[in-house]
Amino acid sequence: MSRVGKKPVIIPEGVKVAIFPDHLEFESSKGKVISPIYPGIKARLDGSKLIFERENDSRQVRAFHGLCRTLANNAIVGLTQGFVKQLEISGVGYRARVDKNILELSLGYARPVQYQIPEGIEITVEKQTLITVRGIDKQKVGQVAQKIRSFRPPDPYTLKGIRYVGERLIRKERRAGVGGA
């Protein structure tokens, strides 16, 4: 039995769960999240606990067992607490600002990079060099943060660019064959 899959998911007050044959719908005051149920997995509600069971012990179904439980748990955590990713910008003249539904990044290019903020995601800029991405869907928050980071990933030689807060970067030595110093 899967260690992750056999643990029940506790459903807090204020979160409604609807079970369908191929997906689960979670709803609270913050919004609505849909979590898939893969073939061979059954979900049932036991009071305030959501329990996942598998039909057989094939390798694929065992893998889906833990995955379904984790996706459902992430949906509940998103609806109760939400997910946050923070990015920091380092570099002279590099800055960010939010104007209505557009994130504008000055990253040393000829023109500022403009990013349309997707629905369900909230982006705030506390300082000009600190971007916070918030939302109820863990996958969407991570995807948006990675897209913003991809506009100017950290350079391994100067460490300028956009990186996650707390991301550990290793600075490389000067490139061989570069003239000057």
N, C-alpha and C. Protein backbone atom coordinates (compact mmCIF):
# COMPACT_ATOMS: atom_id res chain seq x y z
N MET A 1 0.84 -1.17 0.00
CA MET A 1 0.00 0.00 0.00
C MET A 1 0.89 1.25 0.00
N SER A 2 0.48 2.24 -0.74
CA SER A 2 1.23 3.48 -0.82
C SER A 2 1.18 4.21 0.51
N ARG A 3 2.33 4.65 0.99
CA ARG A 3 2.36 5.36 2.27
C ARG A 3 1.63 6.69 2.18
N VAL A 4 1.82 7.37 1.04
CA VAL A 4 1.16 8.66 0.86
C VAL A 4 -0.32 8.44 0.57
N GLY A 5 -0.63 7.49 -0.31
CA GLY A 5 -2.01 7.27 -0.74
C GLY A 5 -2.94 6.80 0.34
N LYS A 6 -2.44 6.05 1.32
CA LYS A 6 -3.33 5.51 2.34
C LYS A 6 -3.67 6.51 3.44
N LYS A 7 -2.94 7.63 3.51
CA LYS A 7 -3.26 8.66 4.50
C LYS A 7 -4.53 9.40 4.09
N PRO A 8 -5.49 9.55 4.97
CA PRO A 8 -6.70 10.30 4.60
C PRO A 8 -6.41 11.79 4.52
N VAL A 9 -7.18 12.47 3.69
CA VAL A 9 -7.08 13.93 3.57
C VAL A 9 -8.15 14.53 4.46
N ILE A 10 -7.75 15.32 5.44
CA ILE A 10 -8.70 15.96 6.36
C ILE A 10 -9.28 17.18 5.66
N ILE A 11 -10.59 17.26 5.64
CA ILE A 11 -11.27 18.39 5.00
C ILE A 11 -11.70 19.37 6.08
N PRO A 12 -11.14 20.59 6.07
CA PRO A 12 -11.51 21.58 7.09
C PRO A 12 -12.90 22.16 6.85
N GLU A 13 -13.43 22.83 7.86
CA GLU A 13 -14.73 23.48 7.71
C GLU A 13 -14.63 24.60 6.70
N GLY A 14 -15.68 24.78 5.93
CA GLY A 14 -15.70 25.84 4.92
C GLY A 14 -15.27 25.36 3.55
N VAL A 15 -14.81 24.11 3.44
CA VAL A 15 -14.42 23.55 2.15
C VAL A 15 -15.45 22.49 1.76
N LYS A 16 -16.06 22.65 0.59
CA LYS A 16 -17.03 21.68 0.09
C LYS A 16 -16.34 20.78 -0.93
N VAL A 17 -16.67 19.48 -0.88
CA VAL A 17 -16.08 18.51 -1.80
C VAL A 17 -17.20 17.83 -2.59
N ALA A 18 -17.02 17.76 -3.91
CA ALA A 18 -17.94 17.02 -4.77
C ALA A 18 -17.12 15.95 -5.49
N ILE A 19 -17.56 14.70 -5.39
CA ILE A 19 -16.83 13.58 -6.01
C ILE A 19 -17.53 13.17 -7.30
N PHE A 20 -16.77 13.15 -8.38
CA PHE A 20 -17.23 12.69 -9.69
C PHE A 20 -16.36 11.50 -10.08
N PRO A 21 -16.76 10.71 -11.09
CA PRO A 21 -15.97 9.53 -11.46
C PRO A 21 -14.53 9.85 -11.90
N ASP A 22 -14.33 11.01 -12.55
CA ASP A 22 -13.00 11.31 -13.07
C ASP A 22 -12.31 12.51 -12.42
N HIS A 23 -13.00 13.21 -11.51
CA HIS A 23 -12.36 14.34 -10.83
C HIS A 23 -13.08 14.69 -9.54
N LEU A 24 -12.40 15.51 -8.74
CA LEU A 24 -12.94 16.04 -7.49
C LEU A 24 -13.04 17.56 -7.63
N GLU A 25 -14.08 18.14 -7.07
CA GLU A 25 -14.21 19.59 -7.08
C GLU A 25 -14.21 20.08 -5.63
N PHE A 26 -13.30 21.00 -5.35
CA PHE A 26 -13.19 21.60 -4.02
C PHE A 26 -13.61 23.05 -4.15
N GLU A 27 -14.42 23.51 -3.21
CA GLU A 27 -14.89 24.89 -3.27
C GLU A 27 -14.89 25.51 -1.88
N SER A 28 -14.42 26.75 -1.81
CA SER A 28 -14.47 27.50 -0.55
C SER A 28 -14.70 28.96 -0.91
N SER A 29 -14.59 29.82 0.08
CA SER A 29 -14.81 31.25 -0.16
C SER A 29 -13.73 31.85 -1.06
N LYS A 30 -12.54 31.22 -1.10
CA LYS A 30 -11.44 31.73 -1.93
C LYS A 30 -11.59 31.38 -3.40
N GLY A 31 -12.32 30.30 -3.70
CA GLY A 31 -12.49 29.92 -5.10
C GLY A 31 -12.80 28.44 -5.25
N LYS A 32 -12.52 27.94 -6.46
CA LYS A 32 -12.84 26.55 -6.79
C LYS A 32 -11.64 25.92 -7.48
N VAL A 33 -11.30 24.68 -7.05
CA VAL A 33 -10.17 23.95 -7.64
C VAL A 33 -10.65 22.55 -8.02
N ILE A 34 -10.21 22.09 -9.18
CA ILE A 34 -10.55 20.75 -9.66
C ILE A 34 -9.30 19.88 -9.61
N SER A 35 -9.46 18.68 -9.04
CA SER A 35 -8.35 17.73 -8.91
C SER A 35 -8.75 16.44 -9.64
N PRO A 36 -7.88 15.90 -10.50
CA PRO A 36 -8.25 14.70 -11.25
C PRO A 36 -8.20 13.42 -10.41
N ILE A 37 -9.00 12.44 -10.81
CA ILE A 37 -8.92 11.09 -10.25
C ILE A 37 -8.53 10.20 -11.42
N TYR A 38 -7.42 9.52 -11.30
CA TYR A 38 -6.90 8.71 -12.39
C TYR A 38 -7.57 7.33 -12.42
N PRO A 39 -7.50 6.64 -13.56
CA PRO A 39 -8.14 5.32 -13.68
C PRO A 39 -7.58 4.34 -12.64
N GLY A 40 -8.47 3.56 -12.04
CA GLY A 40 -8.07 2.58 -11.05
C GLY A 40 -8.11 3.10 -9.62
N ILE A 41 -8.46 4.37 -9.44
CA ILE A 41 -8.50 4.98 -8.11
C ILE A 41 -9.95 5.38 -7.81
N LYS A 42 -10.39 5.11 -6.61
CA LYS A 42 -11.72 5.49 -6.15
C LYS A 42 -11.56 6.40 -4.94
N ALA A 43 -12.41 7.44 -4.89
CA ALA A 43 -12.40 8.37 -3.75
C ALA A 43 -13.74 8.26 -3.04
N ARG A 44 -13.70 8.31 -1.71
CA ARG A 44 -14.94 8.30 -0.94
C ARG A 44 -14.77 9.24 0.25
N LEU A 45 -15.91 9.75 0.68
CA LEU A 45 -15.94 10.68 1.79
C LEU A 45 -16.38 9.93 3.04
N ASP A 46 -15.61 10.04 4.11
CA ASP A 46 -15.93 9.39 5.38
C ASP A 46 -15.95 10.47 6.46
N GLY A 47 -17.10 11.10 6.63
CA GLY A 47 -17.20 12.21 7.58
C GLY A 47 -16.46 13.42 7.02
N SER A 48 -15.43 13.86 7.72
CA SER A 48 -14.63 14.99 7.23
C SER A 48 -13.28 14.51 6.69
N LYS A 49 -13.24 13.24 6.28
CA LYS A 49 -12.01 12.68 5.71
C LYS A 49 -12.28 12.19 4.30
N LEU A 50 -11.33 12.46 3.42
CA LEU A 50 -11.39 11.98 2.04
C LEU A 50 -10.39 10.84 1.92
N ILE A 51 -10.90 9.66 1.52
CA ILE A 51 -10.06 8.46 1.48
C ILE A 51 -9.96 7.98 0.04
N PHE A 52 -8.73 7.64 -0.38
CA PHE A 52 -8.48 7.12 -1.72
C PHE A 52 -8.15 5.64 -1.64
N GLU A 53 -8.78 4.85 -2.50
CA GLU A 53 -8.52 3.41 -2.57
C GLU A 53 -8.22 3.04 -4.01
N ARG A 54 -7.41 2.00 -4.19
CA ARG A 54 -7.08 1.57 -5.54
C ARG A 54 -7.71 0.21 -5.82
N GLU A 55 -7.99 -0.04 -7.10
CA GLU A 55 -8.66 -1.27 -7.50
C GLU A 55 -7.73 -2.47 -7.53
N ASN A 56 -6.49 -2.26 -7.95
CA ASN A 56 -5.53 -3.37 -8.01
C ASN A 56 -4.14 -2.86 -7.66
N ASP A 57 -3.16 -3.77 -7.68
CA ASP A 57 -1.81 -3.41 -7.28
C ASP A 57 -0.85 -3.31 -8.46
N SER A 58 -1.34 -2.95 -9.63
CA SER A 58 -0.42 -2.77 -10.75
C SER A 58 0.46 -1.55 -10.49
N ARG A 59 1.59 -1.52 -11.14
CA ARG A 59 2.57 -0.46 -10.91
C ARG A 59 1.99 0.93 -11.20
N GLN A 60 1.26 1.05 -12.30
CA GLN A 60 0.68 2.33 -12.69
C GLN A 60 -0.36 2.81 -11.67
N VAL A 61 -1.22 1.93 -11.22
CA VAL A 61 -2.26 2.30 -10.26
C VAL A 61 -1.64 2.67 -8.91
N ARG A 62 -0.59 1.98 -8.51
CA ARG A 62 0.10 2.34 -7.26
C ARG A 62 0.68 3.75 -7.34
N ALA A 63 1.22 4.10 -8.51
CA ALA A 63 1.78 5.45 -8.69
C ALA A 63 0.67 6.50 -8.64
N PHE A 64 -0.46 6.20 -9.28
CA PHE A 64 -1.59 7.14 -9.28
C PHE A 64 -2.21 7.31 -7.90
N HIS A 65 -2.11 6.30 -7.05
CA HIS A 65 -2.72 6.34 -5.72
C HIS A 65 -2.17 7.51 -4.90
N GLY A 66 -0.86 7.59 -4.79
CA GLY A 66 -0.23 8.68 -4.04
C GLY A 66 -0.41 10.02 -4.73
N LEU A 67 -0.39 10.02 -6.07
CA LEU A 67 -0.55 11.26 -6.82
C LEU A 67 -1.92 11.87 -6.60
N CYS A 68 -2.97 11.07 -6.68
CA CYS A 68 -4.34 11.58 -6.48
C CYS A 68 -4.51 12.19 -5.10
N ARG A 69 -3.97 11.50 -4.09
CA ARG A 69 -4.09 12.00 -2.73
C ARG A 69 -3.34 13.31 -2.56
N THR A 70 -2.15 13.40 -3.13
CA THR A 70 -1.35 14.62 -3.02
C THR A 70 -2.00 15.80 -3.74
N LEU A 71 -2.55 15.56 -4.93
CA LEU A 71 -3.22 16.63 -5.67
C LEU A 71 -4.45 17.14 -4.91
N ALA A 72 -5.19 16.22 -4.30
CA ALA A 72 -6.36 16.61 -3.50
C ALA A 72 -5.93 17.41 -2.28
N ASN A 73 -4.87 16.98 -1.62
CA ASN A 73 -4.36 17.69 -0.44
C ASN A 73 -3.88 19.09 -0.83
N ASN A 74 -3.19 19.21 -1.98
CA ASN A 74 -2.73 20.52 -2.44
C ASN A 74 -3.91 21.45 -2.72
N ALA A 75 -5.00 20.90 -3.25
CA ALA A 75 -6.18 21.72 -3.52
C ALA A 75 -6.75 22.26 -2.21
N ILE A 76 -6.80 21.44 -1.18
CA ILE A 76 -7.34 21.87 0.11
C ILE A 76 -6.41 22.90 0.77
N VAL A 77 -5.11 22.66 0.71
CA VAL A 77 -4.16 23.63 1.27
C VAL A 77 -4.26 24.96 0.54
N GLY A 78 -4.41 24.92 -0.78
CA GLY A 78 -4.56 26.14 -1.57
C GLY A 78 -5.81 26.92 -1.20
N LEU A 79 -6.90 26.22 -0.96
CA LEU A 79 -8.16 26.89 -0.63
C LEU A 79 -8.18 27.43 0.79
N THR A 80 -7.39 26.84 1.69
CA THR A 80 -7.38 27.33 3.07
C THR A 80 -6.26 28.34 3.31
N GLN A 81 -5.03 28.03 2.87
CA GLN A 81 -3.88 28.91 3.14
C GLN A 81 -3.39 29.65 1.90
N GLY A 82 -3.44 29.01 0.75
CA GLY A 82 -2.91 29.59 -0.48
C GLY A 82 -1.44 29.26 -0.64
N PHE A 83 -0.92 29.46 -1.82
CA PHE A 83 0.49 29.20 -2.12
C PHE A 83 1.19 30.49 -2.50
N VAL A 84 2.47 30.61 -2.11
CA VAL A 84 3.24 31.83 -2.35
C VAL A 84 4.62 31.45 -2.87
N LYS A 85 5.07 32.16 -3.91
CA LYS A 85 6.45 32.06 -4.40
C LYS A 85 6.97 33.49 -4.48
N GLN A 86 8.20 33.68 -4.01
CA GLN A 86 8.80 35.00 -4.07
C GLN A 86 10.03 34.97 -4.97
N LEU A 87 10.17 36.02 -5.76
CA LEU A 87 11.30 36.17 -6.67
C LEU A 87 12.02 37.47 -6.34
N GLU A 88 13.35 37.44 -6.43
CA GLU A 88 14.10 38.67 -6.22
C GLU A 88 14.88 39.00 -7.48
N ILE A 89 14.98 40.28 -7.75
CA ILE A 89 15.68 40.75 -8.94
C ILE A 89 16.99 41.37 -8.48
N SER A 90 18.10 40.96 -9.10
CA SER A 90 19.38 41.57 -8.77
C SER A 90 20.04 42.05 -10.06
N GLY A 91 20.55 43.26 -10.02
CA GLY A 91 21.19 43.86 -11.18
C GLY A 91 20.96 45.36 -11.15
N VAL A 92 21.92 46.11 -11.65
CA VAL A 92 21.81 47.56 -11.66
C VAL A 92 20.73 47.98 -12.64
N GLY A 93 19.74 48.73 -12.15
CA GLY A 93 18.66 49.22 -13.00
C GLY A 93 17.55 48.21 -13.25
N TYR A 94 17.67 47.02 -12.70
CA TYR A 94 16.62 46.01 -12.87
C TYR A 94 15.52 46.29 -11.84
N ARG A 95 14.27 46.35 -12.29
CA ARG A 95 13.17 46.61 -11.38
C ARG A 95 11.86 46.08 -11.95
N ALA A 96 10.86 46.02 -11.08
CA ALA A 96 9.54 45.53 -11.48
C ALA A 96 8.47 46.45 -10.93
N ARG A 97 7.33 46.45 -11.63
CA ARG A 97 6.16 47.16 -11.12
C ARG A 97 4.91 46.54 -11.72
N VAL A 98 3.81 46.64 -10.98
CA VAL A 98 2.53 46.10 -11.44
C VAL A 98 1.62 47.27 -11.77
N ASP A 99 1.04 47.24 -12.98
CA ASP A 99 0.09 48.26 -13.40
C ASP A 99 -1.17 47.55 -13.85
N LYS A 100 -2.23 47.64 -13.04
CA LYS A 100 -3.51 46.95 -13.27
C LYS A 100 -3.28 45.45 -13.38
N ASN A 101 -3.33 44.89 -14.58
CA ASN A 101 -3.21 43.44 -14.75
C ASN A 101 -1.94 43.07 -15.52
N ILE A 102 -0.93 43.96 -15.50
CA ILE A 102 0.31 43.74 -16.25
C ILE A 102 1.51 43.93 -15.33
N LEU A 103 2.42 42.95 -15.36
CA LEU A 103 3.68 43.06 -14.64
C LEU A 103 4.71 43.59 -15.62
N GLU A 104 5.32 44.71 -15.28
CA GLU A 104 6.32 45.32 -16.16
C GLU A 104 7.70 45.16 -15.53
N LEU A 105 8.60 44.54 -16.27
CA LEU A 105 9.94 44.25 -15.77
C LEU A 105 10.98 44.99 -16.60
N SER A 106 11.82 45.79 -15.95
CA SER A 106 12.96 46.43 -16.62
C SER A 106 14.17 45.57 -16.31
N LEU A 107 14.67 44.84 -17.32
CA LEU A 107 15.72 43.85 -17.09
C LEU A 107 16.95 44.07 -17.95
N GLY A 108 17.18 45.29 -18.40
CA GLY A 108 18.37 45.57 -19.18
C GLY A 108 18.20 45.37 -20.67
N TYR A 109 16.99 45.04 -21.11
CA TYR A 109 16.71 44.92 -22.54
C TYR A 109 16.36 46.29 -23.09
N ALA A 110 16.25 46.41 -24.42
CA ALA A 110 15.92 47.68 -25.04
C ALA A 110 14.55 48.19 -24.59
N ARG A 111 13.60 47.27 -24.41
CA ARG A 111 12.27 47.64 -23.95
C ARG A 111 11.93 46.84 -22.69
N PRO A 112 11.06 47.38 -21.85
CA PRO A 112 10.65 46.61 -20.68
C PRO A 112 9.82 45.39 -21.10
N VAL A 113 9.94 44.30 -20.34
CA VAL A 113 9.17 43.10 -20.59
C VAL A 113 7.81 43.27 -19.92
N GLN A 114 6.73 43.04 -20.68
CA GLN A 114 5.39 43.16 -20.14
C GLN A 114 4.77 41.77 -20.08
N TYR A 115 4.29 41.38 -18.89
CA TYR A 115 3.71 40.06 -18.68
C TYR A 115 2.27 40.21 -18.21
N GLN A 116 1.34 39.64 -18.96
CA GLN A 116 -0.08 39.65 -18.60
C GLN A 116 -0.30 38.68 -17.45
N ILE A 117 -0.82 39.16 -16.33
CA ILE A 117 -1.04 38.33 -15.15
C ILE A 117 -2.26 37.43 -15.42
N PRO A 118 -2.08 36.09 -15.31
CA PRO A 118 -3.21 35.19 -15.57
C PRO A 118 -4.30 35.28 -14.50
N GLU A 119 -5.49 34.83 -14.86
CA GLU A 119 -6.61 34.82 -13.93
C GLU A 119 -6.35 33.83 -12.80
N GLY A 120 -6.69 34.19 -11.59
CA GLY A 120 -6.48 33.32 -10.44
C GLY A 120 -5.14 33.50 -9.77
N ILE A 121 -4.31 34.39 -10.31
CA ILE A 121 -2.98 34.66 -9.74
C ILE A 121 -2.92 36.12 -9.34
N GLU A 122 -2.32 36.37 -8.17
CA GLU A 122 -2.14 37.73 -7.69
C GLU A 122 -0.64 37.99 -7.59
N ILE A 123 -0.18 39.04 -8.24
CA ILE A 123 1.24 39.39 -8.20
C ILE A 123 1.37 40.76 -7.54
N THR A 124 2.23 40.83 -6.53
CA THR A 124 2.50 42.10 -5.87
C THR A 124 4.00 42.37 -5.89
N VAL A 125 4.35 43.65 -5.91
CA VAL A 125 5.75 44.06 -5.87
C VAL A 125 5.92 44.90 -4.62
N GLU A 126 6.53 44.29 -3.56
CA GLU A 126 6.72 45.00 -2.31
C GLU A 126 7.79 46.08 -2.46
N LYS A 127 8.97 45.66 -2.90
CA LYS A 127 10.04 46.60 -3.25
C LYS A 127 10.17 46.50 -4.76
N GLN A 128 10.97 47.34 -5.36
CA GLN A 128 11.14 47.27 -6.81
C GLN A 128 11.87 46.00 -7.22
N THR A 129 12.49 45.32 -6.27
CA THR A 129 13.27 44.13 -6.60
C THR A 129 12.72 42.86 -5.96
N LEU A 130 11.50 42.90 -5.42
CA LEU A 130 10.91 41.72 -4.79
C LEU A 130 9.49 41.50 -5.32
N ILE A 131 9.30 40.37 -6.01
CA ILE A 131 8.01 40.03 -6.61
C ILE A 131 7.41 38.86 -5.83
N THR A 132 6.13 38.96 -5.46
CA THR A 132 5.43 37.90 -4.76
C THR A 132 4.28 37.40 -5.64
N VAL A 133 4.27 36.09 -5.89
CA VAL A 133 3.22 35.46 -6.68
C VAL A 133 2.36 34.64 -5.73
N ARG A 134 1.02 34.90 -5.71
CA ARG A 134 0.10 34.20 -4.82
C ARG A 134 -1.04 33.59 -5.63
N GLY A 135 -1.57 32.47 -5.10
CA GLY A 135 -2.73 31.86 -5.73
C GLY A 135 -3.19 30.63 -4.97
N ILE A 136 -4.31 30.03 -5.44
CA ILE A 136 -4.84 28.85 -4.77
C ILE A 136 -4.44 27.56 -5.47
N ASP A 137 -3.93 27.66 -6.69
CA ASP A 137 -3.52 26.48 -7.46
C ASP A 137 -1.99 26.40 -7.44
N LYS A 138 -1.46 25.37 -6.80
CA LYS A 138 -0.01 25.23 -6.63
C LYS A 138 0.72 25.17 -7.97
N GLN A 139 0.17 24.41 -8.92
CA GLN A 139 0.81 24.27 -10.22
C GLN A 139 0.87 25.61 -10.96
N LYS A 140 -0.23 26.36 -10.92
CA LYS A 140 -0.29 27.63 -11.62
C LYS A 140 0.66 28.66 -11.01
N VAL A 141 0.77 28.68 -9.67
CA VAL A 141 1.67 29.61 -8.99
C VAL A 141 3.12 29.31 -9.39
N GLY A 142 3.49 28.03 -9.38
CA GLY A 142 4.85 27.64 -9.76
C GLY A 142 5.14 27.93 -11.22
N GLN A 143 4.14 27.71 -12.08
CA GLN A 143 4.32 27.94 -13.51
C GLN A 143 4.51 29.44 -13.81
N VAL A 144 3.73 30.29 -13.16
CA VAL A 144 3.85 31.73 -13.37
C VAL A 144 5.20 32.23 -12.84
N ALA A 145 5.61 31.73 -11.66
CA ALA A 145 6.91 32.14 -11.09
C ALA A 145 8.05 31.71 -12.02
N GLN A 146 7.98 30.52 -12.58
CA GLN A 146 9.03 30.05 -13.49
C GLN A 146 9.04 30.88 -14.78
N LYS A 147 7.86 31.26 -15.28
CA LYS A 147 7.79 32.08 -16.49
C LYS A 147 8.43 33.45 -16.26
N ILE A 148 8.17 34.05 -15.09
CA ILE A 148 8.77 35.34 -14.77
C ILE A 148 10.28 35.20 -14.65
N ARG A 149 10.73 34.12 -14.01
CA ARG A 149 12.17 33.87 -13.86
C ARG A 149 12.84 33.68 -15.21
N SER A 150 12.13 33.10 -16.17
CA SER A 150 12.72 32.81 -17.48
C SER A 150 13.00 34.07 -18.31
N PHE A 151 12.41 35.21 -17.94
CA PHE A 151 12.68 36.44 -18.68
C PHE A 151 14.14 36.88 -18.53
N ARG A 152 14.76 36.61 -17.40
CA ARG A 152 16.18 36.90 -17.19
C ARG A 152 16.70 35.98 -16.09
N PRO A 153 17.02 34.69 -16.45
CA PRO A 153 17.55 33.78 -15.43
C PRO A 153 18.89 34.29 -14.90
N PRO A 154 19.27 33.89 -13.70
CA PRO A 154 20.52 34.40 -13.13
C PRO A 154 21.73 33.99 -13.96
N ASP A 155 22.59 34.96 -14.22
CA ASP A 155 23.83 34.70 -14.96
C ASP A 155 24.82 34.03 -14.00
N PRO A 156 25.45 32.92 -14.39
CA PRO A 156 26.34 32.22 -13.45
C PRO A 156 27.62 32.98 -13.12
N TYR A 157 27.97 33.99 -13.92
CA TYR A 157 29.22 34.72 -13.69
C TYR A 157 29.01 35.97 -12.85
N THR A 158 27.91 36.69 -13.08
CA THR A 158 27.67 37.93 -12.33
C THR A 158 26.54 37.79 -11.31
N LEU A 159 25.72 36.72 -11.41
CA LEU A 159 24.56 36.45 -10.57
C LEU A 159 23.47 37.51 -10.72
N LYS A 160 23.48 38.25 -11.86
CA LYS A 160 22.41 39.20 -12.14
C LYS A 160 21.25 38.46 -12.78
N GLY A 161 20.04 38.89 -12.47
CA GLY A 161 18.85 38.29 -13.06
C GLY A 161 17.76 38.10 -12.02
N ILE A 162 16.80 37.25 -12.36
CA ILE A 162 15.67 36.96 -11.47
C ILE A 162 15.86 35.58 -10.89
N ARG A 163 15.76 35.47 -9.57
CA ARG A 163 15.88 34.17 -8.91
C ARG A 163 14.87 34.07 -7.78
N TYR A 164 14.61 32.82 -7.36
CA TYR A 164 13.71 32.60 -6.23
C TYR A 164 14.39 33.08 -4.95
N VAL A 165 13.60 33.56 -4.00
CA VAL A 165 14.13 33.96 -2.70
C VAL A 165 14.65 32.70 -2.02
N GLY A 166 15.89 32.73 -1.59
CA GLY A 166 16.50 31.58 -0.94
C GLY A 166 17.18 30.62 -1.90
N GLU A 167 17.10 30.86 -3.21
CA GLU A 167 17.76 29.98 -4.18
C GLU A 167 19.26 30.16 -4.06
N ARG A 168 19.97 29.05 -3.96
CA ARG A 168 21.41 29.09 -3.78
C ARG A 168 22.07 28.97 -5.14
N LEU A 169 22.83 29.98 -5.50
CA LEU A 169 23.54 29.98 -6.77
C LEU A 169 25.04 29.92 -6.51
N ILE A 170 25.73 29.21 -7.37
CA ILE A 170 27.19 29.11 -7.25
C ILE A 170 27.80 29.98 -8.35
N ARG A 171 28.61 30.93 -7.92
CA ARG A 171 29.24 31.85 -8.87
C ARG A 171 30.42 31.17 -9.53
N LYS A 172 30.47 31.22 -10.85
CA LYS A 172 31.56 30.61 -11.61
C LYS A 172 32.74 31.57 -11.70
N GLU A 173 33.90 31.00 -11.93
CA GLU A 173 35.08 31.82 -12.15
C GLU A 173 34.96 32.50 -13.51
N ARG A 174 35.83 33.47 -13.73
CA ARG A 174 35.85 34.19 -14.99
C ARG A 174 36.09 33.22 -16.14
N ARG A 175 35.43 33.47 -17.27
CA ARG A 175 35.58 32.59 -18.42
C ARG A 175 37.00 32.64 -18.96
N ALA A 176 37.52 31.51 -19.36
CA ALA A 176 38.89 31.43 -19.92
C ALA A 176 38.89 32.09 -21.29
N GLY A 177 39.91 32.80 -21.58
CA GLY A 177 40.04 33.42 -22.89
C GLY A 177 39.41 34.78 -23.00
N VAL A 178 38.88 35.32 -21.90
CA VAL A 178 38.29 36.64 -21.94
C VAL A 178 39.39 37.64 -21.70
N GLY A 179 39.52 38.56 -22.61
CA GLY A 179 40.58 39.58 -22.48
C GLY A 179 40.22 40.63 -21.46
N GLY A 180 41.12 41.51 -21.19
CA GLY A 180 40.84 42.60 -20.25
C GLY A 180 41.56 42.40 -18.95
N ALA A 181 40.87 42.19 -17.90
CA ALA A 181 41.43 42.09 -16.57
C ALA A 181 42.22 40.88 -16.46
